[in-house]
Amino acid sequence: MKKSERLPWPKNEAGEPEEAAFLCNLMGLDLDDNIRINMLEAYGIPCFCTYPGDGTFAKIVLGMSGEGTNIFVPASRLEEAKALCEDAIIEDPEEEETQGISVSD
């Protein structure tokens, strides 16, 4: 999705952009930050990211931020975004095997 095609940020009753809520910080390894952003947008949740500290410079020079990527969503969609992200994370390797994903060295 091109930047110009990004989902519009919702507005409050006064017609002003809704407050942004912090969703998570991802290190950007294996493109997990891009995957998460694309997943949220696929479900119709607009989001944006920032790079804490000197992260913007590092992102440009090294391709990743040393302090990760902060992802923000509209406050009204925060709980929905959290639920989607929880469903997308499998932390137990044994659980991965039961879902048909092989975790071998």
N, C-alpha and C. Protein backbone atom coordinates (compact mmCIF):
# COMPACT_ATOMS: atom_id res chain seq x y z
N MET A 1 0.85 -1.16 0.00
CA MET A 1 0.00 0.00 0.00
C MET A 1 0.90 1.23 0.00
N LYS A 2 0.69 2.10 -0.94
CA LYS A 2 1.47 3.33 -1.02
C LYS A 2 1.05 4.27 0.10
N LYS A 3 1.98 5.16 0.48
CA LYS A 3 1.69 6.08 1.56
C LYS A 3 0.42 6.88 1.29
N SER A 4 0.19 7.30 0.05
CA SER A 4 -1.00 8.08 -0.29
C SER A 4 -2.27 7.24 -0.17
N GLU A 5 -2.15 5.90 -0.15
CA GLU A 5 -3.29 5.02 -0.04
C GLU A 5 -3.54 4.56 1.39
N ARG A 6 -2.77 5.05 2.34
CA ARG A 6 -2.92 4.65 3.73
C ARG A 6 -4.31 4.96 4.23
N LEU A 7 -4.74 4.22 5.23
CA LEU A 7 -6.07 4.43 5.81
C LEU A 7 -6.15 5.79 6.48
N PRO A 8 -7.28 6.46 6.34
CA PRO A 8 -7.42 7.77 6.99
C PRO A 8 -7.51 7.63 8.50
N TRP A 9 -6.92 8.59 9.21
CA TRP A 9 -6.97 8.59 10.66
C TRP A 9 -8.36 9.07 11.09
N PRO A 10 -9.01 8.37 12.02
CA PRO A 10 -10.36 8.79 12.42
C PRO A 10 -10.37 10.13 13.15
N LYS A 11 -11.52 10.78 13.08
CA LYS A 11 -11.69 12.08 13.74
C LYS A 11 -12.68 11.94 14.90
N ASN A 12 -12.52 12.79 15.92
CA ASN A 12 -13.45 12.78 17.05
C ASN A 12 -14.69 13.59 16.72
N GLU A 13 -15.56 13.79 17.71
CA GLU A 13 -16.81 14.51 17.49
C GLU A 13 -16.58 15.95 17.05
N ALA A 14 -15.46 16.54 17.46
CA ALA A 14 -15.14 17.92 17.11
C ALA A 14 -14.52 18.03 15.72
N GLY A 15 -14.31 16.90 15.05
CA GLY A 15 -13.73 16.90 13.73
C GLY A 15 -12.21 16.95 13.73
N GLU A 16 -11.60 16.79 14.90
CA GLU A 16 -10.14 16.80 15.02
C GLU A 16 -9.63 15.36 15.01
N PRO A 17 -8.38 15.15 14.60
CA PRO A 17 -7.84 13.78 14.60
C PRO A 17 -7.89 13.18 16.01
N GLU A 18 -8.31 11.93 16.05
CA GLU A 18 -8.41 11.21 17.31
C GLU A 18 -7.03 11.02 17.95
N GLU A 19 -7.01 10.91 19.25
CA GLU A 19 -5.75 10.72 19.98
C GLU A 19 -5.13 9.38 19.60
N ALA A 20 -3.81 9.37 19.46
CA ALA A 20 -3.08 8.14 19.16
C ALA A 20 -2.75 7.41 20.45
N ALA A 21 -2.83 6.08 20.42
CA ALA A 21 -2.52 5.26 21.59
C ALA A 21 -1.36 4.33 21.24
N PHE A 22 -0.43 4.19 22.18
CA PHE A 22 0.73 3.31 21.99
C PHE A 22 0.27 1.86 22.00
N LEU A 23 0.64 1.11 20.96
CA LEU A 23 0.29 -0.31 20.87
C LEU A 23 1.44 -1.19 21.32
N CYS A 24 2.63 -0.99 20.75
CA CYS A 24 3.76 -1.86 21.10
C CYS A 24 5.06 -1.29 20.55
N ASN A 25 6.16 -1.88 21.00
CA ASN A 25 7.49 -1.57 20.48
C ASN A 25 8.05 -2.88 19.95
N LEU A 26 8.44 -2.88 18.68
CA LEU A 26 9.03 -4.07 18.06
C LEU A 26 10.44 -3.73 17.60
N MET A 27 11.33 -4.68 17.68
CA MET A 27 12.73 -4.42 17.33
C MET A 27 12.96 -4.34 15.82
N GLY A 28 12.05 -4.79 15.02
CA GLY A 28 12.22 -4.69 13.57
C GLY A 28 13.05 -5.82 12.99
N LEU A 29 13.33 -6.83 13.81
CA LEU A 29 14.06 -7.99 13.30
C LEU A 29 13.10 -8.81 12.45
N ASP A 30 13.59 -9.36 11.39
CA ASP A 30 12.79 -10.17 10.47
C ASP A 30 11.55 -9.42 9.97
N LEU A 31 11.66 -8.10 9.90
CA LEU A 31 10.58 -7.24 9.39
C LEU A 31 9.30 -7.36 10.20
N ASP A 32 9.39 -7.75 11.48
CA ASP A 32 8.18 -7.91 12.29
C ASP A 32 7.40 -6.62 12.44
N ASP A 33 8.09 -5.48 12.41
CA ASP A 33 7.37 -4.21 12.51
C ASP A 33 6.54 -3.95 11.25
N ASN A 34 7.11 -4.20 10.08
CA ASN A 34 6.37 -4.02 8.82
C ASN A 34 5.22 -5.00 8.70
N ILE A 35 5.45 -6.22 9.14
CA ILE A 35 4.39 -7.23 9.09
C ILE A 35 3.23 -6.82 9.98
N ARG A 36 3.54 -6.34 11.19
CA ARG A 36 2.49 -5.93 12.12
C ARG A 36 1.70 -4.75 11.56
N ILE A 37 2.39 -3.76 11.00
CA ILE A 37 1.72 -2.59 10.43
C ILE A 37 0.81 -3.01 9.28
N ASN A 38 1.30 -3.86 8.40
CA ASN A 38 0.49 -4.33 7.28
C ASN A 38 -0.71 -5.15 7.74
N MET A 39 -0.53 -5.95 8.80
CA MET A 39 -1.65 -6.73 9.33
C MET A 39 -2.73 -5.81 9.88
N LEU A 40 -2.33 -4.81 10.66
CA LEU A 40 -3.30 -3.86 11.22
C LEU A 40 -4.07 -3.16 10.11
N GLU A 41 -3.36 -2.69 9.11
CA GLU A 41 -4.02 -1.99 8.00
C GLU A 41 -4.94 -2.93 7.21
N ALA A 42 -4.56 -4.20 7.10
CA ALA A 42 -5.42 -5.16 6.41
C ALA A 42 -6.75 -5.34 7.14
N TYR A 43 -6.73 -5.17 8.46
CA TYR A 43 -7.95 -5.26 9.25
C TYR A 43 -8.64 -3.90 9.40
N GLY A 44 -8.17 -2.92 8.65
CA GLY A 44 -8.82 -1.61 8.65
C GLY A 44 -8.45 -0.71 9.81
N ILE A 45 -7.35 -1.02 10.49
CA ILE A 45 -6.91 -0.20 11.62
C ILE A 45 -5.76 0.68 11.16
N PRO A 46 -5.98 2.00 11.09
CA PRO A 46 -4.87 2.87 10.69
C PRO A 46 -3.81 2.89 11.80
N CYS A 47 -2.57 3.06 11.40
CA CYS A 47 -1.49 3.10 12.38
C CYS A 47 -0.33 3.91 11.82
N PHE A 48 0.57 4.28 12.71
CA PHE A 48 1.82 4.92 12.27
C PHE A 48 2.90 4.48 13.23
N CYS A 49 4.15 4.68 12.84
CA CYS A 49 5.25 4.27 13.69
C CYS A 49 6.23 5.41 13.90
N THR A 50 6.93 5.34 15.01
CA THR A 50 8.02 6.26 15.31
C THR A 50 9.22 5.43 15.75
N TYR A 51 10.37 6.04 15.68
CA TYR A 51 11.60 5.36 16.06
C TYR A 51 12.20 6.13 17.23
N PRO A 52 12.15 5.57 18.46
CA PRO A 52 12.62 6.29 19.64
C PRO A 52 14.12 6.57 19.61
N GLY A 53 14.52 7.55 20.41
CA GLY A 53 15.94 7.91 20.50
C GLY A 53 16.47 8.39 19.17
N ASP A 54 17.61 7.87 18.79
CA ASP A 54 18.21 8.20 17.49
C ASP A 54 17.78 7.20 16.42
N GLY A 55 16.64 6.59 16.63
CA GLY A 55 16.17 5.52 15.76
C GLY A 55 15.94 5.92 14.32
N THR A 56 15.46 7.14 14.09
CA THR A 56 15.21 7.56 12.71
C THR A 56 16.50 7.58 11.92
N PHE A 57 17.57 8.10 12.52
CA PHE A 57 18.88 8.14 11.86
C PHE A 57 19.37 6.71 11.61
N ALA A 58 19.27 5.86 12.64
CA ALA A 58 19.73 4.48 12.50
C ALA A 58 18.91 3.73 11.46
N LYS A 59 17.61 4.00 11.40
CA LYS A 59 16.75 3.34 10.42
C LYS A 59 17.20 3.69 9.00
N ILE A 60 17.59 4.94 8.80
CA ILE A 60 18.05 5.37 7.48
C ILE A 60 19.42 4.77 7.15
N VAL A 61 20.34 4.83 8.10
CA VAL A 61 21.71 4.39 7.85
C VAL A 61 21.85 2.87 7.87
N LEU A 62 21.26 2.22 8.90
CA LEU A 62 21.44 0.78 9.09
C LEU A 62 20.28 -0.07 8.60
N GLY A 63 19.15 0.57 8.35
CA GLY A 63 17.98 -0.18 7.93
C GLY A 63 17.12 -0.66 9.08
N MET A 64 17.56 -0.41 10.31
CA MET A 64 16.77 -0.75 11.49
C MET A 64 17.16 0.16 12.64
N SER A 65 16.22 0.38 13.52
CA SER A 65 16.46 1.23 14.68
C SER A 65 16.96 0.38 15.83
N GLY A 66 17.98 0.85 16.52
CA GLY A 66 18.52 0.12 17.66
C GLY A 66 17.57 0.05 18.84
N GLU A 67 16.61 0.98 18.90
CA GLU A 67 15.64 1.00 19.99
C GLU A 67 14.27 0.53 19.55
N GLY A 68 14.18 -0.02 18.38
CA GLY A 68 12.92 -0.59 17.91
C GLY A 68 12.01 0.42 17.23
N THR A 69 10.80 -0.03 16.99
CA THR A 69 9.77 0.76 16.32
C THR A 69 8.56 0.82 17.23
N ASN A 70 8.11 2.03 17.55
CA ASN A 70 6.89 2.21 18.32
C ASN A 70 5.72 2.29 17.35
N ILE A 71 4.69 1.50 17.59
CA ILE A 71 3.51 1.51 16.73
C ILE A 71 2.34 2.11 17.51
N PHE A 72 1.65 3.04 16.86
CA PHE A 72 0.51 3.72 17.46
C PHE A 72 -0.73 3.48 16.61
N VAL A 73 -1.88 3.39 17.26
CA VAL A 73 -3.17 3.24 16.60
C VAL A 73 -4.15 4.24 17.20
N PRO A 74 -5.30 4.48 16.57
CA PRO A 74 -6.29 5.36 17.19
C PRO A 74 -6.74 4.78 18.53
N ALA A 75 -6.94 5.64 19.51
CA ALA A 75 -7.33 5.19 20.86
C ALA A 75 -8.60 4.34 20.82
N SER A 76 -9.53 4.67 19.93
CA SER A 76 -10.79 3.92 19.85
C SER A 76 -10.60 2.51 19.30
N ARG A 77 -9.48 2.22 18.68
CA ARG A 77 -9.23 0.90 18.08
C ARG A 77 -8.14 0.13 18.82
N LEU A 78 -7.67 0.66 19.96
CA LEU A 78 -6.54 0.05 20.68
C LEU A 78 -6.84 -1.38 21.11
N GLU A 79 -7.98 -1.62 21.74
CA GLU A 79 -8.29 -2.97 22.23
C GLU A 79 -8.39 -3.97 21.07
N GLU A 80 -8.98 -3.56 19.98
CA GLU A 80 -9.08 -4.42 18.80
C GLU A 80 -7.69 -4.74 18.26
N ALA A 81 -6.82 -3.72 18.20
CA ALA A 81 -5.45 -3.92 17.70
C ALA A 81 -4.68 -4.86 18.63
N LYS A 82 -4.86 -4.68 19.94
CA LYS A 82 -4.18 -5.57 20.90
C LYS A 82 -4.62 -7.02 20.70
N ALA A 83 -5.92 -7.21 20.52
CA ALA A 83 -6.44 -8.57 20.32
C ALA A 83 -5.87 -9.19 19.05
N LEU A 84 -5.78 -8.43 17.98
CA LEU A 84 -5.21 -8.94 16.73
C LEU A 84 -3.75 -9.31 16.92
N CYS A 85 -3.01 -8.47 17.63
CA CYS A 85 -1.59 -8.72 17.84
C CYS A 85 -1.37 -9.94 18.72
N GLU A 86 -2.21 -10.11 19.74
CA GLU A 86 -2.08 -11.29 20.60
C GLU A 86 -2.34 -12.56 19.81
N ASP A 87 -3.32 -12.52 18.91
CA ASP A 87 -3.62 -13.69 18.09
C ASP A 87 -2.47 -14.02 17.14
N ALA A 88 -1.70 -13.01 16.76
CA ALA A 88 -0.62 -13.20 15.79
C ALA A 88 0.67 -13.70 16.43
N ILE A 89 0.78 -13.63 17.75
CA ILE A 89 2.02 -13.99 18.44
C ILE A 89 1.90 -15.40 19.03
N ILE A 90 2.82 -16.25 18.66
CA ILE A 90 2.91 -17.59 19.24
C ILE A 90 4.27 -17.66 19.92
N GLU A 91 4.27 -17.72 21.25
CA GLU A 91 5.53 -17.68 21.97
C GLU A 91 6.03 -19.05 22.40
N ASP A 92 5.17 -20.04 22.45
CA ASP A 92 5.54 -21.37 22.91
C ASP A 92 5.89 -22.24 21.71
N PRO A 93 7.16 -22.67 21.59
CA PRO A 93 7.56 -23.50 20.43
C PRO A 93 6.73 -24.76 20.29
N GLU A 94 6.30 -25.36 21.42
CA GLU A 94 5.47 -26.56 21.33
C GLU A 94 4.13 -26.24 20.70
N GLU A 95 3.60 -25.06 20.98
CA GLU A 95 2.34 -24.64 20.38
C GLU A 95 2.50 -24.47 18.87
N GLU A 96 3.68 -23.99 18.43
CA GLU A 96 3.93 -23.85 17.00
C GLU A 96 3.88 -25.20 16.32
N GLU A 97 4.45 -26.23 16.96
CA GLU A 97 4.46 -27.56 16.36
C GLU A 97 3.04 -28.09 16.22
N THR A 98 2.17 -27.79 17.18
CA THR A 98 0.81 -28.29 17.10
C THR A 98 0.02 -27.58 16.02
N GLN A 99 0.51 -26.44 15.55
CA GLN A 99 -0.17 -25.72 14.49
C GLN A 99 0.47 -26.02 13.14
N GLY A 100 1.31 -27.05 13.07
CA GLY A 100 1.88 -27.45 11.80
C GLY A 100 3.11 -26.67 11.39
N ILE A 101 3.68 -25.91 12.31
CA ILE A 101 4.88 -25.15 11.99
C ILE A 101 6.06 -25.86 12.64
N SER A 102 7.03 -26.25 11.87
CA SER A 102 8.19 -26.94 12.40
C SER A 102 9.21 -25.94 12.93
N VAL A 103 9.67 -26.21 14.15
CA VAL A 103 10.68 -25.34 14.76
C VAL A 103 11.91 -26.20 14.99
N SER A 104 12.74 -26.34 13.98
CA SER A 104 13.94 -27.16 14.11
C SER A 104 15.17 -26.34 13.84
N ASP A 105 16.27 -26.75 14.44
CA ASP A 105 17.55 -26.04 14.28
C ASP A 105 18.21 -26.37 12.99
